[in-house]
Amino acid sequence: MLFIALVKFSKKLTKDVVEQNLKDIEEDTKGQITYRGIYWTLGKYDTVVLFEAPDEKAAINMVLKRADRMKIDTLVAVPADGSSPAGPV
């Protein structure tokens, strides 16, 4: 499943916070999460993340481990053209 995470940091963005995020990303990629893109943004959210997870439970676990540093709105992404998230069927 493809997900979009809209991220707002709840802690001041320090070197330690960035390092912990990079560590979490590295741990995620050894498990069930595949990142398709991570983008800094201007406006309401600080970061937008596109990632794949096998199911909602894996996506929620990824979000919960960051709950002390950021607020994350997570959306399930469904291609508008009816193709699978991995590409056309």
C-alpha atoms as a PDB file:
ATOM      1  CA  MET A   1       0.000   0.000   0.000  1.00  0.00           C
ATOM      2  CA  LEU A   2       1.130   3.522  -0.757  1.00  0.00           C
ATOM      3  CA  PHE A   3       0.881   6.194   1.931  1.00  0.00           C
ATOM      4  CA  ILE A   4       1.430   9.944   2.135  1.00  0.00           C
ATOM      5  CA  ALA A   5       2.595  11.371   5.461  1.00  0.00           C
ATOM      6  CA  LEU A   6       2.192  15.087   6.139  1.00  0.00           C
ATOM      7  CA  VAL A   7       4.650  15.968   8.903  1.00  0.00           C
ATOM      8  CA  LYS A   8       4.837  18.903  11.314  1.00  0.00           C
ATOM      9  CA  PHE A   9       7.723  18.864  13.795  1.00  0.00           C
ATOM     10  CA  SER A  10       6.554  19.361  17.379  1.00  0.00           C
ATOM     11  CA  LYS A  11      10.093  19.791  18.687  1.00  0.00           C
ATOM     12  CA  LYS A  12      12.635  22.351  17.578  1.00  0.00           C
ATOM     13  CA  LEU A  13      14.537  20.920  14.625  1.00  0.00           C
ATOM     14  CA  THR A  14      17.972  20.333  16.139  1.00  0.00           C
ATOM     15  CA  LYS A  15      20.885  18.197  15.007  1.00  0.00           C
ATOM     16  CA  ASP A  16      19.787  15.492  17.489  1.00  0.00           C
ATOM     17  CA  VAL A  17      16.214  15.446  16.150  1.00  0.00           C
ATOM     18  CA  VAL A  18      17.490  15.154  12.559  1.00  0.00           C
ATOM     19  CA  GLU A  19      19.904  12.357  13.544  1.00  0.00           C
ATOM     20  CA  GLN A  20      17.107  10.429  15.289  1.00  0.00           C
ATOM     21  CA  ASN A  21      14.907  10.788  12.202  1.00  0.00           C
ATOM     22  CA  LEU A  22      17.701   9.489   9.958  1.00  0.00           C
ATOM     23  CA  LYS A  23      18.225   6.565  12.342  1.00  0.00           C
ATOM     24  CA  ASP A  24      14.489   5.768  12.268  1.00  0.00           C
ATOM     25  CA  ILE A  25      14.458   5.893   8.462  1.00  0.00           C
ATOM     26  CA  GLU A  26      17.414   3.513   8.294  1.00  0.00           C
ATOM     27  CA  GLU A  27      15.694   1.094  10.709  1.00  0.00           C
ATOM     28  CA  ASP A  28      12.420   1.323   8.750  1.00  0.00           C
ATOM     29  CA  THR A  29      14.102   0.358   5.482  1.00  0.00           C
ATOM     30  CA  LYS A  30      15.445  -2.812   7.103  1.00  0.00           C
ATOM     31  CA  GLY A  31      11.846  -3.798   7.874  1.00  0.00           C
ATOM     32  CA  GLN A  32       8.522  -3.348   6.135  1.00  0.00           C
ATOM     33  CA  ILE A  33       8.743   0.286   4.998  1.00  0.00           C
ATOM     34  CA  THR A  34       9.985   1.484   1.607  1.00  0.00           C
ATOM     35  CA  TYR A  35      10.438   5.222   1.149  1.00  0.00           C
ATOM     36  CA  ARG A  36       9.616   6.590  -2.295  1.00  0.00           C
ATOM     37  CA  GLY A  37      10.345  10.221  -1.487  1.00  0.00           C
ATOM     38  CA  ILE A  38      10.971  12.614   1.391  1.00  0.00           C
ATOM     39  CA  TYR A  39      10.484  16.322   0.705  1.00  0.00           C
ATOM     40  CA  TRP A  40      10.964  19.482   2.784  1.00  0.00           C
ATOM     41  CA  THR A  41       7.969  21.759   2.275  1.00  0.00           C
ATOM     42  CA  LEU A  42       6.921  25.345   2.957  1.00  0.00           C
ATOM     43  CA  GLY A  43       3.537  26.059   4.492  1.00  0.00           C
ATOM     44  CA  LYS A  44       1.427  24.115   6.998  1.00  0.00           C
ATOM     45  CA  TYR A  45       3.663  21.021   6.963  1.00  0.00           C
ATOM     46  CA  ASP A  46       7.443  20.754   7.283  1.00  0.00           C
ATOM     47  CA  THR A  47       7.854  17.531   5.334  1.00  0.00           C
ATOM     48  CA  VAL A  48       5.875  15.292   2.974  1.00  0.00           C
ATOM     49  CA  VAL A  49       6.833  11.625   2.847  1.00  0.00           C
ATOM     50  CA  LEU A  50       5.733   9.024   0.297  1.00  0.00           C
ATOM     51  CA  PHE A  51       6.183   5.484   1.538  1.00  0.00           C
ATOM     52  CA  GLU A  52       5.011   1.944   0.991  1.00  0.00           C
ATOM     53  CA  ALA A  53       3.967  -0.428   3.753  1.00  0.00           C
ATOM     54  CA  PRO A  54       2.298  -3.829   3.550  1.00  0.00           C
ATOM     55  CA  ASP A  55      -0.747  -2.625   5.517  1.00  0.00           C
ATOM     56  CA  GLU A  56      -2.167   0.088   7.761  1.00  0.00           C
ATOM     57  CA  LYS A  57      -0.723  -1.523  10.897  1.00  0.00           C
ATOM     58  CA  ALA A  58       2.861  -1.212   9.603  1.00  0.00           C
ATOM     59  CA  ALA A  59       2.208   2.420   8.603  1.00  0.00           C
ATOM     60  CA  ILE A  60       0.789   3.243  12.044  1.00  0.00           C
ATOM     61  CA  ASN A  61       3.779   1.645  13.772  1.00  0.00           C
ATOM     62  CA  MET A  62       6.106   3.807  11.675  1.00  0.00           C
ATOM     63  CA  VAL A  63       4.174   6.928  12.698  1.00  0.00           C
ATOM     64  CA  LEU A  64       3.910   6.030  16.397  1.00  0.00           C
ATOM     65  CA  LYS A  65       7.654   5.671  16.878  1.00  0.00           C
ATOM     66  CA  ARG A  66       7.988   9.353  15.918  1.00  0.00           C
ATOM     67  CA  ALA A  67       5.099  10.678  18.025  1.00  0.00           C
ATOM     68  CA  ASP A  68       7.423  12.330  20.548  1.00  0.00           C
ATOM     69  CA  ARG A  69       8.984  14.575  17.852  1.00  0.00           C
ATOM     70  CA  MET A  70       6.338  15.219  15.229  1.00  0.00           C
ATOM     71  CA  LYS A  71       2.675  15.223  14.380  1.00  0.00           C
ATOM     72  CA  ILE A  72       1.903  13.173  11.297  1.00  0.00           C
ATOM     73  CA  ASP A  73      -1.270  13.070   9.202  1.00  0.00           C
ATOM     74  CA  THR A  74      -1.164   9.839   7.232  1.00  0.00           C
ATOM     75  CA  LEU A  75      -3.189   9.254   4.081  1.00  0.00           C
ATOM     76  CA  VAL A  76      -3.685   6.127   1.988  1.00  0.00           C
ATOM     77  CA  ALA A  77      -2.836   6.941  -1.634  1.00  0.00           C
ATOM     78  CA  VAL A  78      -4.920   5.318  -4.370  1.00  0.00           C
ATOM     79  CA  PRO A  79      -3.937   6.025  -7.999  1.00  0.00           C
ATOM     80  CA  ALA A  80      -6.621   8.042  -9.792  1.00  0.00           C
ATOM     81  CA  ASP A  81      -6.178   6.066 -13.023  1.00  0.00           C
ATOM     82  CA  GLY A  82      -7.031   2.730 -11.366  1.00  0.00           C
ATOM     83  CA  SER A  83      -3.517   1.314 -11.686  1.00  0.00           C
ATOM     84  CA  SER A  84      -1.774  -0.328  -8.780  1.00  0.00           C
ATOM     85  CA  PRO A  85       0.561   1.899  -6.677  1.00  0.00           C
ATOM     86  CA  ALA A  86       3.536  -0.035  -8.073  1.00  0.00           C
ATOM     87  CA  GLY A  87       2.560   0.843 -11.657  1.00  0.00           C
ATOM     88  CA  PRO A  88      -0.027  -0.032 -14.305  1.00  0.00           C
ATOM     89  CA  VAL A  89      -1.705  -3.404 -14.014  1.00  0.00           C
END
